[in-house]
Amino acid sequence: MNNNRYIREPGNFITHVIPALLAVPGLYLLLQKANSNYEYTAAFIYGVGVIILFGVSAIYHSVPKTEYGLRLWQKFDHCCIYIMIAGSFTPTALLIFDGYLRWLVFGLVWCVALIGCLLKIFNRLKNQAVSTGLYIAMGCLVIPFLKKMLETLPVAAIAWLIIGGLFYVGGTYYYAKDKPMNRFFHSHELWHVFVNFGALAHFIYNYVYVFSV
């Protein structure tokens, strides 16, 4: 890492600033497809969550140069992972489920996201393995509801959901590795690439299937 660069970590910056920019028209497409208050709300929360995650990550890997700035933006970056996971759950919670289950799933994922953010902000979640495990566990909260989801969604939709999850989980290997792979790539850049493919799979899941129910 060279703090004298204008962009501190060019590879990490590029791999997340591009999806941050692409997420803006993605949000527009979702809003164009929305036909109800629930759909507009779900599209907005999901789309903004994706934009925030990639945008904050791009800033964290480019702008801060001081130790304080790095720590501050790292907290923002880690908090935004919880926000994106909860945001990605939101269309499923609000549009696929109904009755008490709608609010149970919605409330559960956002409560976990809030707790995770608070733990990060107040330095109560410093162990990287525990932190990564919590991200994965949060992403797996959907598993108990898959049978219920199949009552509304086709198998292809669940396949895209699982593909996205596999990219996220598979990418954590490179996130935990946290070292140069060779003179061209750092493992964290590969983690970003896995996140990008996971986010793309979940956008397909949401845009093609969830917002078409």
Protein backbone atom coordinates (compact mmCIF):
# COMPACT_ATOMS: atom_id res chain seq x y z
CA MET A 1 0.00 0.00 0.00
CA ASN A 2 1.42 3.37 -1.05
CA ASN A 3 -0.19 6.27 0.81
CA ASN A 4 1.50 8.75 -1.53
CA ARG A 5 -0.70 7.70 -4.44
CA TYR A 6 -3.62 9.90 -5.36
CA ILE A 7 -5.71 6.71 -5.39
CA ARG A 8 -4.35 4.65 -2.53
CA GLU A 9 -5.31 1.18 -3.83
CA PRO A 10 -6.12 1.48 -7.56
CA GLY A 11 -7.14 -2.16 -8.05
CA ASN A 12 -9.55 -2.19 -5.12
CA PHE A 13 -10.88 1.22 -6.13
CA ILE A 14 -11.59 0.26 -9.75
CA THR A 15 -13.20 -3.07 -8.87
CA HIS A 16 -15.81 -1.30 -6.74
CA VAL A 17 -16.25 2.16 -8.26
CA ILE A 18 -17.48 0.57 -11.52
CA PRO A 19 -20.27 -1.46 -9.86
CA ALA A 20 -21.14 1.60 -7.74
CA LEU A 21 -21.77 3.56 -10.95
CA LEU A 22 -23.62 0.66 -12.60
CA ALA A 23 -25.85 0.30 -9.54
CA VAL A 24 -27.38 3.73 -10.22
CA PRO A 25 -29.10 2.72 -13.50
CA GLY A 26 -29.81 -0.62 -11.81
CA LEU A 27 -31.84 1.22 -9.17
CA TYR A 28 -33.60 3.19 -11.91
CA LEU A 29 -34.58 -0.04 -13.69
CA LEU A 30 -35.98 -1.50 -10.48
CA LEU A 31 -37.99 1.65 -9.76
CA GLN A 32 -39.34 1.60 -13.32
CA LYS A 33 -40.54 -1.95 -12.76
CA ALA A 34 -42.20 -1.19 -9.40
CA ASN A 35 -46.01 -1.06 -9.34
CA SER A 36 -46.87 -0.75 -5.65
CA ASN A 37 -45.70 1.01 -2.50
CA TYR A 38 -44.06 -2.20 -1.31
CA GLU A 39 -42.20 -2.56 -4.60
CA TYR A 40 -41.02 1.06 -4.63
CA THR A 41 -39.85 0.73 -1.02
CA ALA A 42 -38.08 -2.57 -1.67
CA ALA A 43 -36.42 -1.25 -4.84
CA PHE A 44 -35.21 1.91 -3.11
CA ILE A 45 -33.81 0.14 -0.03
CA TYR A 46 -32.12 -2.57 -2.09
CA GLY A 47 -30.72 -0.24 -4.75
CA VAL A 48 -29.44 2.37 -2.31
CA GLY A 49 -27.85 -0.37 -0.17
CA VAL A 50 -25.88 -1.64 -3.17
CA ILE A 51 -24.80 1.87 -4.20
CA ILE A 52 -23.70 2.69 -0.65
CA LEU A 53 -21.70 -0.53 -0.27
CA PHE A 54 -19.74 -0.15 -3.50
CA GLY A 55 -19.44 3.62 -3.19
CA VAL A 56 -18.11 3.58 0.37
CA SER A 57 -15.75 0.71 -0.48
CA ALA A 58 -14.36 2.69 -3.43
CA ILE A 59 -13.82 5.72 -1.19
CA TYR A 60 -12.20 3.65 1.57
CA HIS A 61 -9.71 2.12 -0.87
CA SER A 62 -8.83 5.43 -2.53
CA VAL A 63 -9.21 8.60 -0.45
CA PRO A 64 -8.07 8.18 3.19
CA LYS A 65 -4.35 8.58 3.76
CA THR A 66 -4.07 9.04 7.55
CA GLU A 67 -4.35 6.25 10.12
CA TYR A 68 -7.47 7.87 11.59
CA GLY A 69 -9.07 8.22 8.16
CA LEU A 70 -8.31 4.59 7.31
CA ARG A 71 -9.85 3.32 10.56
CA LEU A 72 -12.92 5.52 10.16
CA TRP A 73 -13.63 4.56 6.55
CA GLN A 74 -12.89 0.91 7.28
CA LYS A 75 -15.69 1.00 9.87
CA PHE A 76 -18.01 2.57 7.30
CA ASP A 77 -16.96 -0.06 4.76
CA HIS A 78 -17.64 -2.96 7.12
CA CYS A 79 -20.97 -1.49 8.26
CA CYS A 80 -22.07 -1.17 4.65
CA ILE A 81 -21.65 -4.91 4.16
CA TYR A 82 -24.40 -5.45 6.74
CA ILE A 83 -26.52 -2.79 5.07
CA MET A 84 -26.12 -4.39 1.64
CA ILE A 85 -26.95 -7.88 2.93
CA ALA A 86 -30.09 -6.59 4.66
CA GLY A 87 -30.95 -4.49 1.62
CA SER A 88 -30.58 -7.52 -0.65
CA PHE A 89 -33.01 -9.43 1.58
CA THR A 90 -35.57 -6.62 1.57
CA PRO A 91 -37.27 -7.29 -1.81
CA THR A 92 -37.70 -10.96 -0.87
CA ALA A 93 -39.06 -10.06 2.57
CA LEU A 94 -41.53 -7.44 1.35
CA LEU A 95 -42.60 -8.91 -1.99
CA ILE A 96 -42.38 -12.70 -1.68
CA PHE A 97 -43.67 -13.15 1.85
CA ASP A 98 -46.86 -11.76 3.34
CA GLY A 99 -48.53 -11.45 6.72
CA TYR A 100 -46.39 -11.94 9.81
CA LEU A 101 -43.62 -13.68 7.83
CA ARG A 102 -43.02 -10.54 5.76
CA TRP A 103 -42.25 -8.47 8.84
CA LEU A 104 -40.47 -11.30 10.66
CA VAL A 105 -37.89 -11.67 7.88
CA PHE A 106 -37.62 -7.93 7.27
CA GLY A 107 -37.22 -7.16 10.98
CA LEU A 108 -34.79 -10.03 11.56
CA VAL A 109 -32.31 -9.09 8.84
CA TRP A 110 -32.36 -5.40 9.69
CA CYS A 111 -31.96 -6.07 13.43
CA VAL A 112 -28.91 -8.22 12.71
CA ALA A 113 -27.58 -5.49 10.39
CA LEU A 114 -28.05 -2.85 13.09
CA ILE A 115 -26.34 -4.99 15.73
CA GLY A 116 -23.46 -5.74 13.35
CA CYS A 117 -23.01 -2.04 12.55
CA LEU A 118 -23.01 -1.08 16.23
CA LEU A 119 -20.47 -3.78 17.05
CA LYS A 120 -18.22 -2.49 14.27
CA ILE A 121 -18.62 1.17 15.21
CA PHE A 122 -17.80 0.55 18.88
CA ASN A 123 -14.92 -1.86 18.15
CA ARG A 124 -16.63 -4.91 19.62
CA LEU A 125 -16.09 -7.08 16.55
CA LYS A 126 -12.36 -7.05 15.88
CA ASN A 127 -11.79 -10.73 15.11
CA GLN A 128 -11.79 -11.09 11.32
CA ALA A 129 -12.91 -14.73 11.36
CA VAL A 130 -15.87 -13.96 13.63
CA SER A 131 -16.76 -10.90 11.57
CA THR A 132 -16.65 -12.88 8.31
CA GLY A 133 -18.64 -15.69 9.89
CA LEU A 134 -21.35 -13.24 10.92
CA TYR A 135 -21.61 -11.94 7.35
CA ILE A 136 -22.01 -15.51 6.08
CA ALA A 137 -24.51 -16.43 8.79
CA MET A 138 -26.56 -13.36 7.98
CA GLY A 139 -26.56 -14.28 4.31
CA CYS A 140 -27.75 -17.79 5.20
CA LEU A 141 -30.81 -16.53 7.08
CA VAL A 142 -32.83 -17.14 3.92
CA ILE A 143 -32.24 -20.91 3.99
CA PRO A 144 -35.10 -21.80 6.40
CA PHE A 145 -37.51 -19.94 4.11
CA LEU A 146 -36.51 -21.51 0.76
CA LYS A 147 -39.43 -23.96 0.75
CA LYS A 148 -41.86 -21.10 1.31
CA MET A 149 -40.17 -19.06 -1.42
CA LEU A 150 -40.60 -21.91 -3.91
CA GLU A 151 -44.37 -21.52 -3.54
CA THR A 152 -44.03 -18.18 -5.34
CA LEU A 153 -40.72 -18.26 -7.20
CA PRO A 154 -39.48 -20.68 -9.89
CA VAL A 155 -36.49 -22.92 -9.31
CA ALA A 156 -34.44 -20.70 -11.65
CA ALA A 157 -34.90 -17.78 -9.24
CA ILE A 158 -33.63 -19.81 -6.31
CA ALA A 159 -30.71 -20.94 -8.47
CA TRP A 160 -29.66 -17.32 -9.07
CA LEU A 161 -30.04 -16.60 -5.35
CA ILE A 162 -27.81 -19.55 -4.47
CA ILE A 163 -25.27 -18.70 -7.18
CA GLY A 164 -24.93 -15.21 -5.71
CA GLY A 165 -24.49 -16.66 -2.23
CA LEU A 166 -21.81 -19.06 -3.45
CA PHE A 167 -19.85 -16.19 -4.99
CA TYR A 168 -20.01 -14.28 -1.71
CA VAL A 169 -19.05 -17.28 0.42
CA GLY A 170 -16.35 -18.42 -2.01
CA GLY A 171 -14.88 -14.93 -2.05
CA THR A 172 -14.38 -14.92 1.71
CA TYR A 173 -11.39 -17.22 1.15
CA TYR A 174 -9.58 -14.35 -0.57
CA TYR A 175 -10.92 -11.84 1.95
CA ALA A 176 -9.41 -13.85 4.82
CA LYS A 177 -6.15 -14.49 2.91
CA ASP A 178 -5.45 -10.74 2.71
CA LYS A 179 -2.06 -10.85 0.94
CA PRO A 180 -0.60 -10.40 -2.56
CA MET A 181 -1.34 -13.33 -4.88
CA ASN A 182 1.43 -12.25 -7.29
CA ARG A 183 2.97 -8.96 -8.39
CA PHE A 184 -0.20 -8.01 -10.24
CA PHE A 185 -3.05 -9.03 -7.92
CA HIS A 186 -3.82 -8.78 -4.21
CA SER A 187 -6.25 -11.27 -2.71
CA HIS A 188 -8.54 -8.43 -1.64
CA GLU A 189 -9.00 -7.43 -5.27
CA LEU A 190 -10.13 -10.97 -6.04
CA TRP A 191 -12.53 -10.72 -3.11
CA HIS A 192 -13.99 -7.63 -4.75
CA VAL A 193 -14.44 -9.53 -8.03
CA PHE A 194 -16.32 -12.31 -6.24
CA VAL A 195 -18.52 -9.70 -4.55
CA ASN A 196 -19.25 -8.13 -7.94
CA PHE A 197 -20.41 -11.44 -9.41
CA GLY A 198 -22.46 -12.18 -6.29
CA ALA A 199 -24.14 -8.79 -6.52
CA LEU A 200 -24.83 -9.32 -10.24
CA ALA A 201 -26.44 -12.72 -9.59
CA HIS A 202 -28.66 -11.22 -6.89
CA PHE A 203 -29.63 -8.32 -9.16
CA ILE A 204 -30.76 -10.84 -11.77
CA TYR A 205 -32.66 -12.71 -9.06
CA ASN A 206 -34.41 -9.55 -7.90
CA TYR A 207 -35.00 -7.83 -11.24
CA VAL A 208 -36.05 -10.84 -13.31
CA TYR A 209 -37.99 -12.79 -10.69
CA VAL A 210 -38.83 -10.98 -7.45
CA PHE A 211 -40.08 -7.78 -9.11
CA SER A 212 -42.07 -9.84 -11.61
CA VAL A 213 -44.20 -11.72 -9.08
